Amino acid sequence: MIVILKQNAEQNEVNALLKQLEDMGFDHHYSKGENSTIVGIIGDTSTLDTDDLKTIDVVADVKRVSEPFKLANRKFHPDSSIFNIAGRTVGESHFSVIAGPCSVETIPQMTETAEAVKKSGASFLRGGAFKPRTSPYSFQGLHDEGLKILLEAKKATGLPIVTEIMNQAHLDLFEDVDIIQVGARNMQNFELLKELGKCNKPILLKRGLSSTIEEWVMSAEYIMAGGNEQVIFCERGIRTYETFTRNTLDLSAIPALKSISHLPVIVDPSHATGLPWMVESLTKAAIAVGADGIMIEVHNNPKKALCDGAQSLTPQQFDNVMQTVKKRVEFEGKILG
């Protein structure tokens, strides 16, 4: 249920309303936006009478929410969420670029790639220390040693880092990571999501291989219900019958999410297609449909990469894409970085 407050509501009267809701056993989410102030009531609101609430002086209107997600719902938070992450702004009027290799391999590989993507205009550096792989015989990542290498690249370039977590037991290792990524295979690892809800770190939540948009948003709700409201969606393609590309990029998910949720949405064209020559075109499309950023795989030597080299861009290819990004982002009236 949502309570819309009057624009001239006195704060002491608002506080009294919030106290009244708490005394009745309800949690609430208070959101003061540019054009309206609302209180989202969380819990079983079937016992609440909307007409009774409307009689309270500070209340302008009361609406019931039918969707199962509340905190991630745009109705609870009409203004789009904007996050300040390590001095970078993510969301709404800004466009973020996350770039780097699929896997962390060596200090020279990470540092060289980090310097290249920074020079081209990337906002964040990505790299996998823990790698979920379909085959148990494939390279699984360097684990904690990989995190140390990633932090060395961060130290050398100043780029904030994004890397994937696979197990809540590893959370202490991510203390110096700027954005924790939840991969497609863990989108519905609810115990992991609950633990991430307790930490004060932005979470990049990738869409599951066969997940609906509502299931995806409900996973964000798990994190937010724990108290962590810094969630960023990442559309990385879904599994369909099509085999030409690695996955099928669902660009319609971006405006769909924007209509129902206030959280930022970025697009990963590298994992979506597995084809580096498609990255630039799909990046243009992502910007056109309103994405708040992109995540691109870049490797200083893709032919020798230990993971996903075939879908990675070279630093020069990435720089070419970034020239296009800069023009498109400027045309859309957004700020890069």
C-alpha atoms as a PDB file:
ATOM      1  CA  MET A   1       0.000   0.000   0.000  1.00  0.00           C
ATOM      2  CA  ILE A   2       1.170   3.515  -0.808  1.00  0.00           C
ATOM      3  CA  VAL A   3       0.252   6.663   1.094  1.00  0.00           C
ATOM      4  CA  ILE A   4       0.730   9.873  -0.897  1.00  0.00           C
ATOM      5  CA  LEU A   5       1.347  12.850   1.377  1.00  0.00           C
ATOM      6  CA  LYS A   6       0.215  16.425   0.843  1.00  0.00           C
ATOM      7  CA  GLN A   7       2.909  18.741  -0.497  1.00  0.00           C
ATOM      8  CA  ASN A   8       2.668  21.104   2.467  1.00  0.00           C
ATOM      9  CA  ALA A   9       2.677  18.352   5.097  1.00  0.00           C
ATOM     10  CA  GLU A  10       4.393  19.341   8.346  1.00  0.00           C
ATOM     11  CA  GLN A  11       7.246  17.006   9.286  1.00  0.00           C
ATOM     12  CA  ASN A  12       5.953  16.492  12.854  1.00  0.00           C
ATOM     13  CA  GLU A  13       2.624  15.304  11.418  1.00  0.00           C
ATOM     14  CA  VAL A  14       4.437  12.989   9.013  1.00  0.00           C
ATOM     15  CA  ASN A  15       6.453  11.568  11.914  1.00  0.00           C
ATOM     16  CA  ALA A  16       3.243  10.971  13.822  1.00  0.00           C
ATOM     17  CA  LEU A  17       1.835   9.004  10.872  1.00  0.00           C
ATOM     18  CA  LEU A  18       5.000   6.900  10.620  1.00  0.00           C
ATOM     19  CA  LYS A  19       4.859   6.213  14.371  1.00  0.00           C
ATOM     20  CA  GLN A  20       1.226   5.194  14.079  1.00  0.00           C
ATOM     21  CA  LEU A  21       2.100   2.692  11.326  1.00  0.00           C
ATOM     22  CA  GLU A  22       4.955   1.283  13.398  1.00  0.00           C
ATOM     23  CA  ASP A  23       2.686   0.857  16.400  1.00  0.00           C
ATOM     24  CA  MET A  24       0.325  -1.112  14.182  1.00  0.00           C
ATOM     25  CA  GLY A  25       3.174  -3.483  13.287  1.00  0.00           C
ATOM     26  CA  PHE A  26       3.988  -2.222   9.792  1.00  0.00           C
ATOM     27  CA  ASP A  27       7.353  -1.390   8.280  1.00  0.00           C
ATOM     28  CA  HIS A  28       7.462   1.607   5.981  1.00  0.00           C
ATOM     29  CA  HIS A  29       9.574   3.166   3.236  1.00  0.00           C
ATOM     30  CA  TYR A  30       9.624   6.952   3.213  1.00  0.00           C
ATOM     31  CA  SER A  31      10.477   8.536  -0.143  1.00  0.00           C
ATOM     32  CA  LYS A  32      10.655  12.302  -0.649  1.00  0.00           C
ATOM     33  CA  GLY A  33      10.883  13.081  -4.364  1.00  0.00           C
ATOM     34  CA  GLU A  34      10.969  16.253  -6.413  1.00  0.00           C
ATOM     35  CA  ASN A  35       7.241  16.253  -7.112  1.00  0.00           C
ATOM     36  CA  SER A  36       5.741  14.076  -4.398  1.00  0.00           C
ATOM     37  CA  THR A  37       6.367  12.453  -1.039  1.00  0.00           C
ATOM     38  CA  ILE A  38       5.099   8.952  -0.414  1.00  0.00           C
ATOM     39  CA  VAL A  39       5.114   6.346   2.335  1.00  0.00           C
ATOM     40  CA  GLY A  40       5.197   2.734   1.227  1.00  0.00           C
ATOM     41  CA  ILE A  41       3.585   0.470   3.818  1.00  0.00           C
ATOM     42  CA  ILE A  42       5.233  -2.958   3.963  1.00  0.00           C
ATOM     43  CA  GLY A  43       3.413  -5.960   5.392  1.00  0.00           C
ATOM     44  CA  ASP A  44      -0.048  -7.512   5.231  1.00  0.00           C
ATOM     45  CA  THR A  45      -2.076  -4.394   4.517  1.00  0.00           C
ATOM     46  CA  SER A  46      -5.342  -6.283   4.003  1.00  0.00           C
ATOM     47  CA  THR A  47      -6.463  -5.162   7.479  1.00  0.00           C
ATOM     48  CA  LEU A  48      -5.874  -1.485   6.711  1.00  0.00           C
ATOM     49  CA  ASP A  49      -8.858   0.609   5.635  1.00  0.00           C
ATOM     50  CA  THR A  50      -7.856   3.072   2.898  1.00  0.00           C
ATOM     51  CA  ASP A  51     -10.742   5.380   3.810  1.00  0.00           C
ATOM     52  CA  ASP A  52      -9.499   5.630   7.397  1.00  0.00           C
ATOM     53  CA  LEU A  53      -6.026   6.578   6.214  1.00  0.00           C
ATOM     54  CA  LYS A  54      -7.435   9.237   3.897  1.00  0.00           C
ATOM     55  CA  THR A  55      -8.980  11.025   6.876  1.00  0.00           C
ATOM     56  CA  ILE A  56      -5.513  11.818   8.293  1.00  0.00           C
ATOM     57  CA  ASP A  57      -4.655  15.480   7.635  1.00  0.00           C
ATOM     58  CA  VAL A  58      -1.282  14.929   5.934  1.00  0.00           C
ATOM     59  CA  VAL A  59      -2.602  12.235   3.568  1.00  0.00           C
ATOM     60  CA  ALA A  60      -3.536  13.225   0.019  1.00  0.00           C
ATOM     61  CA  ASP A  61      -4.333   9.763  -1.360  1.00  0.00           C
ATOM     62  CA  VAL A  62      -3.941   6.038  -0.671  1.00  0.00           C
ATOM     63  CA  LYS A  63      -3.356   3.322  -3.260  1.00  0.00           C
ATOM     64  CA  ARG A  64      -2.982  -0.425  -2.993  1.00  0.00           C
ATOM     65  CA  VAL A  65      -0.027  -2.095  -4.739  1.00  0.00           C
ATOM     66  CA  SER A  66      -0.776  -5.388  -6.465  1.00  0.00           C
ATOM     67  CA  GLU A  67       2.806  -6.303  -7.423  1.00  0.00           C
ATOM     68  CA  PRO A  68       4.632  -8.702  -5.066  1.00  0.00           C
ATOM     69  CA  PHE A  69       7.734  -6.477  -5.029  1.00  0.00           C
ATOM     70  CA  LYS A  70       7.558  -3.305  -2.957  1.00  0.00           C
ATOM     71  CA  LEU A  71      10.962  -1.719  -2.294  1.00  0.00           C
ATOM     72  CA  ALA A  72      12.076  -2.095  -5.928  1.00  0.00           C
ATOM     73  CA  ASN A  73       8.737  -0.769  -7.145  1.00  0.00           C
ATOM     74  CA  ARG A  74       8.630   2.645  -8.822  1.00  0.00           C
ATOM     75  CA  LYS A  75       5.323   3.272  -7.072  1.00  0.00           C
ATOM     76  CA  PHE A  76       7.189   3.229  -3.748  1.00  0.00           C
ATOM     77  CA  HIS A  77       9.986   5.408  -5.153  1.00  0.00           C
ATOM     78  CA  PRO A  78       8.708   7.557  -8.076  1.00  0.00           C
ATOM     79  CA  ASP A  79      12.075   9.185  -8.799  1.00  0.00           C
ATOM     80  CA  SER A  80      14.761   7.069 -10.452  1.00  0.00           C
ATOM     81  CA  SER A  81      17.493   5.979  -8.036  1.00  0.00           C
ATOM     82  CA  ILE A  82      20.936   7.489  -8.538  1.00  0.00           C
ATOM     83  CA  PHE A  83      23.974   6.001  -6.773  1.00  0.00           C
ATOM     84  CA  ASN A  84      27.318   7.599  -6.025  1.00  0.00           C
ATOM     85  CA  ILE A  85      29.883   4.809  -6.235  1.00  0.00           C
ATOM     86  CA  ALA A  86      33.534   5.653  -5.564  1.00  0.00           C
ATOM     87  CA  GLY A  87      33.008   9.129  -6.975  1.00  0.00           C
ATOM     88  CA  ARG A  88      31.127   7.904 -10.054  1.00  0.00           C
ATOM     89  CA  THR A  89      27.425   8.532 -10.570  1.00  0.00           C
ATOM     90  CA  VAL A  90      25.277   5.598 -11.708  1.00  0.00           C
ATOM     91  CA  GLY A  91      21.716   6.095 -12.925  1.00  0.00           C
ATOM     92  CA  GLU A  92      19.309   8.419 -14.732  1.00  0.00           C
ATOM     93  CA  SER A  93      21.227  11.360 -16.220  1.00  0.00           C
ATOM     94  CA  HIS A  94      24.568   9.528 -16.303  1.00  0.00           C
ATOM     95  CA  PHE A  95      25.854   6.715 -18.498  1.00  0.00           C
ATOM     96  CA  SER A  96      28.363   4.296 -16.963  1.00  0.00           C
ATOM     97  CA  VAL A  97      30.796   2.059 -18.844  1.00  0.00           C
ATOM     98  CA  ILE A  98      32.185  -1.047 -17.149  1.00  0.00           C
ATOM     99  CA  ALA A  99      35.002  -2.740 -19.063  1.00  0.00           C
ATOM    100  CA  GLY A 100      37.666  -5.367 -18.581  1.00  0.00           C
ATOM    101  CA  PRO A 101      38.437  -9.051 -19.104  1.00  0.00           C
ATOM    102  CA  CYS A 102      36.217 -11.969 -18.240  1.00  0.00           C
ATOM    103  CA  SER A 103      38.893 -13.410 -15.950  1.00  0.00           C
ATOM    104  CA  VAL A 104      41.762 -12.013 -13.929  1.00  0.00           C
ATOM    105  CA  GLU A 105      44.924 -13.770 -15.093  1.00  0.00           C
ATOM    106  CA  THR A 106      48.085 -11.793 -14.301  1.00  0.00           C
ATOM    107  CA  ILE A 107      49.083  -8.377 -12.960  1.00  0.00           C
ATOM    108  CA  PRO A 108      50.415  -7.208 -16.376  1.00  0.00           C
ATOM    109  CA  GLN A 109      47.236  -8.408 -18.130  1.00  0.00           C
ATOM    110  CA  MET A 110      44.944  -6.581 -15.691  1.00  0.00           C
ATOM    111  CA  THR A 111      47.021  -3.423 -15.419  1.00  0.00           C
ATOM    112  CA  GLU A 112      47.520  -3.077 -19.177  1.00  0.00           C
ATOM    113  CA  THR A 113      43.824  -3.643 -19.855  1.00  0.00           C
ATOM    114  CA  ALA A 114      42.793  -1.286 -17.048  1.00  0.00           C
ATOM    115  CA  GLU A 115      45.012   1.515 -18.350  1.00  0.00           C
ATOM    116  CA  ALA A 116      43.623   1.041 -21.860  1.00  0.00           C
ATOM    117  CA  VAL A 117      39.932   1.103 -20.900  1.00  0.00           C
ATOM    118  CA  LYS A 118      40.487   4.073 -18.596  1.00  0.00           C
ATOM    119  CA  LYS A 119      42.139   6.008 -21.415  1.00  0.00           C
ATOM    120  CA  SER A 120      39.142   5.276 -23.638  1.00  0.00           C
ATOM    121  CA  GLY A 121      36.699   6.565 -21.026  1.00  0.00           C
ATOM    122  CA  ALA A 122      35.533   3.577 -18.969  1.00  0.00           C
ATOM    123  CA  SER A 123      34.037   4.375 -15.551  1.00  0.00           C
ATOM    124  CA  PHE A 124      34.694   1.010 -13.880  1.00  0.00           C
ATOM    125  CA  LEU A 125      37.033  -1.962 -14.309  1.00  0.00           C
ATOM    126  CA  ARG A 126      35.612  -5.472 -14.386  1.00  0.00           C
ATOM    127  CA  GLY A 127      37.395  -8.775 -13.943  1.00  0.00           C
ATOM    128  CA  GLY A 128      36.432 -12.194 -12.614  1.00  0.00           C
ATOM    129  CA  ALA A 129      38.395 -13.744  -9.748  1.00  0.00           C
ATOM    130  CA  PHE A 130      35.772 -16.437  -9.106  1.00  0.00           C
ATOM    131  CA  LYS A 131      34.431 -17.906 -12.339  1.00  0.00           C
ATOM    132  CA  PRO A 132      31.279 -20.062 -12.585  1.00  0.00           C
ATOM    133  CA  ARG A 133      31.884 -22.346 -15.548  1.00  0.00           C
ATOM    134  CA  THR A 134      29.636 -24.926 -17.184  1.00  0.00           C
ATOM    135  CA  SER A 135      32.470 -27.475 -17.304  1.00  0.00           C
ATOM    136  CA  PRO A 136      34.336 -28.427 -14.120  1.00  0.00           C
ATOM    137  CA  TYR A 137      37.476 -28.743 -16.271  1.00  0.00           C
ATOM    138  CA  SER A 138      37.413 -25.115 -17.445  1.00  0.00           C
ATOM    139  CA  PHE A 139      39.456 -22.353 -15.799  1.00  0.00           C
ATOM    140  CA  GLN A 140      37.688 -21.468 -12.548  1.00  0.00           C
ATOM    141  CA  GLY A 141      39.523 -18.232 -11.758  1.00  0.00           C
ATOM    142  CA  LEU A 142      42.350 -17.377  -9.364  1.00  0.00           C
ATOM    143  CA  HIS A 143      39.999 -16.787  -6.408  1.00  0.00           C
ATOM    144  CA  ASP A 144      41.511 -14.648  -3.605  1.00  0.00           C
ATOM    145  CA  GLU A 145      44.752 -14.241  -5.569  1.00  0.00           C
ATOM    146  CA  GLY A 146      42.678 -12.887  -8.450  1.00  0.00           C
ATOM    147  CA  LEU A 147      41.092 -10.328  -6.134  1.00  0.00           C
ATOM    148  CA  LYS A 148      44.555  -9.164  -5.063  1.00  0.00           C
ATOM    149  CA  ILE A 149      45.555  -8.694  -8.707  1.00  0.00           C
ATOM    150  CA  LEU A 150      42.329  -6.806  -9.418  1.00  0.00           C
ATOM    151  CA  LEU A 151      43.041  -4.499  -6.483  1.00  0.00           C
ATOM    152  CA  GLU A 152      46.557  -3.903  -7.847  1.00  0.00           C
ATOM    153  CA  ALA A 153      44.997  -2.753 -11.134  1.00  0.00           C
ATOM    154  CA  LYS A 154      42.651  -0.500  -9.177  1.00  0.00           C
ATOM    155  CA  LYS A 155      45.608   0.985  -7.306  1.00  0.00           C
ATOM    156  CA  ALA A 156      47.527   1.566 -10.539  1.00  0.00           C
ATOM    157  CA  THR A 157      44.693   3.252 -12.427  1.00  0.00           C
ATOM    158  CA  GLY A 158      42.231   4.553  -9.848  1.00  0.00           C
ATOM    159  CA  LEU A 159      39.353   2.748 -11.551  1.00  0.00           C
ATOM    160  CA  PRO A 160      36.698   1.342  -9.172  1.00  0.00           C
ATOM    161  CA  ILE A 161      36.293  -2.419  -9.614  1.00  0.00           C
ATOM    162  CA  VAL A 162      33.416  -4.774 -10.324  1.00  0.00           C
ATOM    163  CA  THR A 163      33.750  -8.504  -9.697  1.00  0.00           C
ATOM    164  CA  GLU A 164      31.498 -11.503  -9.134  1.00  0.00           C
ATOM    165  CA  ILE A 165      30.780 -13.265  -5.869  1.00  0.00           C
ATOM    166  CA  MET A 166      29.678 -16.901  -5.854  1.00  0.00           C
ATOM    167  CA  ASN A 167      29.445 -17.764  -2.173  1.00  0.00           C
ATOM    168  CA  GLN A 168      28.409 -15.741   0.874  1.00  0.00           C
ATOM    169  CA  ALA A 169      31.364 -17.277   2.731  1.00  0.00           C
ATOM    170  CA  HIS A 170      33.657 -15.165   0.509  1.00  0.00           C
ATOM    171  CA  LEU A 171      32.036 -11.847   1.454  1.00  0.00           C
ATOM    172  CA  ASP A 172      34.916 -10.748   3.704  1.00  0.00           C
ATOM    173  CA  LEU A 173      37.264 -10.964   0.710  1.00  0.00           C
ATOM    174  CA  PHE A 174      35.187  -8.320  -1.108  1.00  0.00           C
ATOM    175  CA  GLU A 175      35.748  -5.541   1.439  1.00  0.00           C
ATOM    176  CA  ASP A 176      37.673  -3.369  -1.053  1.00  0.00           C
ATOM    177  CA  VAL A 177      35.511  -4.207  -4.076  1.00  0.00           C
ATOM    178  CA  ASP A 178      33.390  -1.269  -5.235  1.00  0.00           C
ATOM    179  CA  ILE A 179      30.522  -3.174  -6.898  1.00  0.00           C
ATOM    180  CA  ILE A 180      29.735  -6.815  -6.170  1.00  0.00           C
ATOM    181  CA  GLN A 181      28.330  -8.683  -9.150  1.00  0.00           C
ATOM    182  CA  VAL A 182      25.770 -11.475  -8.828  1.00  0.00           C
ATOM    183  CA  GLY A 183      26.000 -13.662 -11.916  1.00  0.00           C
ATOM    184  CA  ALA A 184      23.129 -15.113 -13.917  1.00  0.00           C
ATOM    185  CA  ARG A 185      23.490 -18.529 -12.275  1.00  0.00           C
ATOM    186  CA  ASN A 186      23.155 -17.011  -8.796  1.00  0.00           C
ATOM    187  CA  MET A 187      20.287 -14.629  -9.484  1.00  0.00           C
ATOM    188  CA  GLN A 188      18.013 -16.879  -7.427  1.00  0.00           C
ATOM    189  CA  ASN A 189      20.571 -17.965  -4.847  1.00  0.00           C
ATOM    190  CA  PHE A 190      18.365 -16.527  -2.136  1.00  0.00           C
ATOM    191  CA  GLU A 191      20.697 -17.191   0.786  1.00  0.00           C
ATOM    192  CA  LEU A 192      23.434 -15.268  -1.026  1.00  0.00           C
ATOM    193  CA  LEU A 193      21.005 -12.437  -1.833  1.00  0.00           C
ATOM    194  CA  LYS A 194      19.970 -12.192   1.826  1.00  0.00           C
ATOM    195  CA  GLU A 195      23.603 -11.831   2.911  1.00  0.00           C
ATOM    196  CA  LEU A 196      24.225  -9.166   0.273  1.00  0.00           C
ATOM    197  CA  GLY A 197      21.218  -7.344   1.670  1.00  0.00           C
ATOM    198  CA  LYS A 198      23.128  -6.912   4.926  1.00  0.00           C
ATOM    199  CA  CYS A 199      26.231  -5.379   3.362  1.00  0.00           C
ATOM    200  CA  ASN A 200      26.801  -1.757   2.434  1.00  0.00           C
ATOM    201  CA  LYS A 201      27.963  -2.429  -1.137  1.00  0.00           C
ATOM    202  CA  PRO A 202      26.328  -1.717  -4.505  1.00  0.00           C
ATOM    203  CA  ILE A 203      25.148  -4.950  -6.121  1.00  0.00           C
ATOM    204  CA  LEU A 204      25.146  -5.554  -9.885  1.00  0.00           C
ATOM    205  CA  LEU A 205      22.386  -8.117 -10.366  1.00  0.00           C
ATOM    206  CA  LYS A 206      22.528 -10.010 -13.638  1.00  0.00           C
ATOM    207  CA  ARG A 207      19.402 -11.541 -15.100  1.00  0.00           C
ATOM    208  CA  GLY A 208      19.092 -15.320 -14.908  1.00  0.00           C
ATOM    209  CA  LEU A 209      19.398 -17.331 -18.111  1.00  0.00           C
ATOM    210  CA  SER A 210      15.681 -18.151 -18.212  1.00  0.00           C
ATOM    211  CA  SER A 211      14.232 -15.691 -15.715  1.00  0.00           C
ATOM    212  CA  THR A 212      11.202 -13.506 -16.207  1.00  0.00           C
ATOM    213  CA  ILE A 213      11.387  -9.795 -15.489  1.00  0.00           C
ATOM    214  CA  GLU A 214       9.260 -10.224 -12.364  1.00  0.00           C
ATOM    215  CA  GLU A 215      11.544 -12.985 -11.036  1.00  0.00           C
ATOM    216  CA  TRP A 216      14.510 -10.699 -11.663  1.00  0.00           C
ATOM    217  CA  VAL A 217      12.920  -7.811  -9.775  1.00  0.00           C
ATOM    218  CA  MET A 218      11.977 -10.146  -6.924  1.00  0.00           C
ATOM    219  CA  SER A 219      15.653 -11.085  -6.597  1.00  0.00           C
ATOM    220  CA  ALA A 220      16.439  -7.381  -6.213  1.00  0.00           C
ATOM    221  CA  GLU A 221      13.697  -7.244  -3.598  1.00  0.00           C
ATOM    222  CA  TYR A 222      15.515  -9.934  -1.567  1.00  0.00           C
ATOM    223  CA  ILE A 223      18.600  -7.702  -1.407  1.00  0.00           C
ATOM    224  CA  MET A 224      16.642  -4.545  -0.642  1.00  0.00           C
ATOM    225  CA  ALA A 225      14.559  -6.248   2.027  1.00  0.00           C
ATOM    226  CA  GLY A 226      17.793  -6.804   3.945  1.00  0.00           C
ATOM    227  CA  GLY A 227      18.463  -3.075   3.992  1.00  0.00           C
ATOM    228  CA  ASN A 228      20.741  -2.658   0.967  1.00  0.00           C
ATOM    229  CA  GLU A 229      18.966  -0.460  -1.580  1.00  0.00           C
ATOM    230  CA  GLN A 230      21.938  -0.075  -3.944  1.00  0.00           C
ATOM    231  CA  VAL A 231      20.954  -2.559  -6.656  1.00  0.00           C
ATOM    232  CA  ILE A 232      21.756  -2.206 -10.357  1.00  0.00           C
ATOM    233  CA  PHE A 233      20.092  -4.498 -12.903  1.00  0.00           C
ATOM    234  CA  CYS A 234      22.176  -5.987 -15.723  1.00  0.00           C
ATOM    235  CA  GLU A 235      20.490  -7.446 -18.813  1.00  0.00           C
ATOM    236  CA  ARG A 236      22.931 -10.009 -20.225  1.00  0.00           C
ATOM    237  CA  GLY A 237      20.730 -11.968 -22.607  1.00  0.00           C
ATOM    238  CA  ILE A 238      18.360 -14.847 -22.005  1.00  0.00           C
ATOM    239  CA  ARG A 239      18.288 -18.415 -23.260  1.00  0.00           C
ATOM    240  CA  THR A 240      16.025 -18.975 -26.273  1.00  0.00           C
ATOM    241  CA  TYR A 241      15.891 -21.425 -29.171  1.00  0.00           C
ATOM    242  CA  GLU A 242      18.195 -19.188 -31.231  1.00  0.00           C
ATOM    243  CA  THR A 243      21.754 -20.529 -31.653  1.00  0.00           C
ATOM    244  CA  PHE A 244      23.329 -17.843 -33.857  1.00  0.00           C
ATOM    245  CA  THR A 245      24.236 -15.842 -30.763  1.00  0.00           C
ATOM    246  CA  ARG A 246      25.337 -17.083 -27.352  1.00  0.00           C
ATOM    247  CA  ASN A 247      22.135 -15.704 -25.811  1.00  0.00           C
ATOM    248  CA  THR A 248      19.300 -13.456 -26.986  1.00  0.00           C
ATOM    249  CA  LEU A 249      19.616  -9.854 -25.807  1.00  0.00           C
ATOM    250  CA  ASP A 250      16.245  -8.697 -24.502  1.00  0.00           C
ATOM    251  CA  LEU A 251      16.380  -4.954 -25.129  1.00  0.00           C
ATOM    252  CA  SER A 252      12.681  -4.665 -24.329  1.00  0.00           C
ATOM    253  CA  ALA A 253      13.583  -5.474 -20.721  1.00  0.00           C
ATOM    254  CA  ILE A 254      15.172  -2.042 -20.261  1.00  0.00           C
ATOM    255  CA  PRO A 255      12.049   0.122 -20.817  1.00  0.00           C
ATOM    256  CA  ALA A 256       9.970  -2.573 -19.108  1.00  0.00           C
ATOM    257  CA  LEU A 257      12.112  -2.375 -15.970  1.00  0.00           C
ATOM    258  CA  LYS A 258      12.182   1.402 -16.110  1.00  0.00           C
ATOM    259  CA  SER A 259       8.392   1.454 -16.056  1.00  0.00           C
ATOM    260  CA  ILE A 260       8.047  -0.712 -12.940  1.00  0.00           C
ATOM    261  CA  SER A 261      11.254  -0.084 -10.985  1.00  0.00           C
ATOM    262  CA  HIS A 262      13.320   2.943  -9.981  1.00  0.00           C
ATOM    263  CA  LEU A 263      16.640   1.047 -10.038  1.00  0.00           C
ATOM    264  CA  PRO A 264      19.320   1.646 -12.713  1.00  0.00           C
ATOM    265  CA  VAL A 265      19.636  -0.816 -15.613  1.00  0.00           C
ATOM    266  CA  ILE A 266      22.742  -1.594 -17.651  1.00  0.00           C
ATOM    267  CA  VAL A 267      23.329  -3.910 -20.615  1.00  0.00           C
ATOM    268  CA  ASP A 268      26.046  -6.514 -21.227  1.00  0.00           C
ATOM    269  CA  PRO A 269      26.265  -6.989 -25.032  1.00  0.00           C
ATOM    270  CA  SER A 270      29.364  -9.203 -24.772  1.00  0.00           C
ATOM    271  CA  HIS A 271      27.700 -12.060 -22.874  1.00  0.00           C
ATOM    272  CA  ALA A 272      24.428 -11.514 -24.689  1.00  0.00           C
ATOM    273  CA  THR A 273      25.836 -12.386 -28.096  1.00  0.00           C
ATOM    274  CA  GLY A 274      29.304 -13.862 -27.676  1.00  0.00           C
ATOM    275  CA  LEU A 275      30.184 -12.021 -30.898  1.00  0.00           C
ATOM    276  CA  PRO A 276      32.522  -9.014 -30.598  1.00  0.00           C
ATOM    277  CA  TRP A 277      31.452  -7.529 -33.930  1.00  0.00           C
ATOM    278  CA  MET A 278      27.899  -7.086 -32.566  1.00  0.00           C
ATOM    279  CA  VAL A 279      28.939  -5.132 -29.479  1.00  0.00           C
ATOM    280  CA  GLU A 280      28.943  -1.667 -31.052  1.00  0.00           C
ATOM    281  CA  SER A 281      25.521  -2.036 -32.672  1.00  0.00           C
ATOM    282  CA  LEU A 282      23.907  -3.375 -29.509  1.00  0.00           C
ATOM    283  CA  THR A 283      25.577  -0.683 -27.443  1.00  0.00           C
ATOM    284  CA  LYS A 284      23.911   1.928 -29.668  1.00  0.00           C
ATOM    285  CA  ALA A 285      20.605   0.120 -29.205  1.00  0.00           C
ATOM    286  CA  ALA A 286      21.060  -0.040 -25.426  1.00  0.00           C
ATOM    287  CA  ILE A 287      21.581   3.721 -25.272  1.00  0.00           C
ATOM    288  CA  ALA A 288      18.549   4.296 -27.509  1.00  0.00           C
ATOM    289  CA  VAL A 289      16.180   2.291 -25.272  1.00  0.00           C
ATOM    290  CA  GLY A 290      17.290   4.119 -22.121  1.00  0.00           C
ATOM    291  CA  ALA A 291      19.974   1.952 -20.508  1.00  0.00           C
ATOM    292  CA  ASP A 292      22.016   3.607 -17.758  1.00  0.00           C
ATOM    293  CA  GLY A 293      25.235   1.940 -18.853  1.00  0.00           C
ATOM    294  CA  ILE A 294      26.973  -0.978 -20.516  1.00  0.00           C
ATOM    295  CA  MET A 295      29.424  -3.688 -19.514  1.00  0.00           C
ATOM    296  CA  ILE A 296      31.884  -4.823 -22.189  1.00  0.00           C
ATOM    297  CA  GLU A 297      34.540  -7.531 -22.126  1.00  0.00           C
ATOM    298  CA  VAL A 298      37.969  -6.195 -23.092  1.00  0.00           C
ATOM    299  CA  HIS A 299      41.240  -8.154 -23.052  1.00  0.00           C
ATOM    300  CA  ASN A 300      44.714  -6.922 -23.929  1.00  0.00           C
ATOM    301  CA  ASN A 301      45.272 -10.148 -25.914  1.00  0.00           C
ATOM    302  CA  PRO A 302      41.955 -11.961 -26.558  1.00  0.00           C
ATOM    303  CA  LYS A 303      43.627 -14.825 -28.464  1.00  0.00           C
ATOM    304  CA  LYS A 304      45.470 -15.849 -25.295  1.00  0.00           C
ATOM    305  CA  ALA A 305      42.633 -15.256 -22.841  1.00  0.00           C
ATOM    306  CA  LEU A 306      41.893 -18.084 -20.400  1.00  0.00           C
ATOM    307  CA  CYS A 307      38.153 -17.375 -20.527  1.00  0.00           C
ATOM    308  CA  ASP A 308      35.784 -15.970 -23.199  1.00  0.00           C
ATOM    309  CA  GLY A 309      38.552 -14.581 -25.394  1.00  0.00           C
ATOM    310  CA  ALA A 310      36.444 -15.122 -28.504  1.00  0.00           C
ATOM    311  CA  GLN A 311      33.850 -12.566 -27.344  1.00  0.00           C
ATOM    312  CA  SER A 312      36.305 -10.001 -25.965  1.00  0.00           C
ATOM    313  CA  LEU A 313      37.254  -6.759 -27.684  1.00  0.00           C
ATOM    314  CA  THR A 314      40.836  -5.632 -28.070  1.00  0.00           C
ATOM    315  CA  PRO A 315      41.666  -2.256 -26.464  1.00  0.00           C
ATOM    316  CA  GLN A 316      41.604  -0.654 -29.931  1.00  0.00           C
ATOM    317  CA  GLN A 317      38.187  -2.142 -30.735  1.00  0.00           C
ATOM    318  CA  PHE A 318      36.904  -0.918 -27.380  1.00  0.00           C
ATOM    319  CA  ASP A 319      38.244   2.556 -28.084  1.00  0.00           C
ATOM    320  CA  ASN A 320      36.342   2.579 -31.388  1.00  0.00           C
ATOM    321  CA  VAL A 321      33.138   1.617 -29.566  1.00  0.00           C
ATOM    322  CA  MET A 322      33.728   4.348 -27.004  1.00  0.00           C
ATOM    323  CA  GLN A 323      33.930   7.005 -29.708  1.00  0.00           C
ATOM    324  CA  THR A 324      30.434   5.989 -30.743  1.00  0.00           C
ATOM    325  CA  VAL A 325      29.262   5.856 -27.125  1.00  0.00           C
ATOM    326  CA  LYS A 326      30.456   9.397 -26.455  1.00  0.00           C
ATOM    327  CA  LYS A 327      28.544  10.762 -29.448  1.00  0.00           C
ATOM    328  CA  ARG A 328      25.349   8.872 -28.640  1.00  0.00           C
ATOM    329  CA  VAL A 329      25.408   9.699 -24.929  1.00  0.00           C
ATOM    330  CA  GLU A 330      25.940  13.384 -25.687  1.00  0.00           C
ATOM    331  CA  PHE A 331      23.039  13.280 -28.169  1.00  0.00           C
ATOM    332  CA  GLU A 332      20.806  11.765 -25.454  1.00  0.00           C
ATOM    333  CA  GLY A 333      21.782  14.588 -23.095  1.00  0.00           C
ATOM    334  CA  LYS A 334      23.505  12.298 -20.592  1.00  0.00           C
ATOM    335  CA  ILE A 335      26.876  12.549 -18.873  1.00  0.00           C
ATOM    336  CA  LEU A 336      29.461   9.841 -19.535  1.00  0.00           C
ATOM    337  CA  GLY A 337      31.203   8.452 -16.468  1.00  0.00           C
END
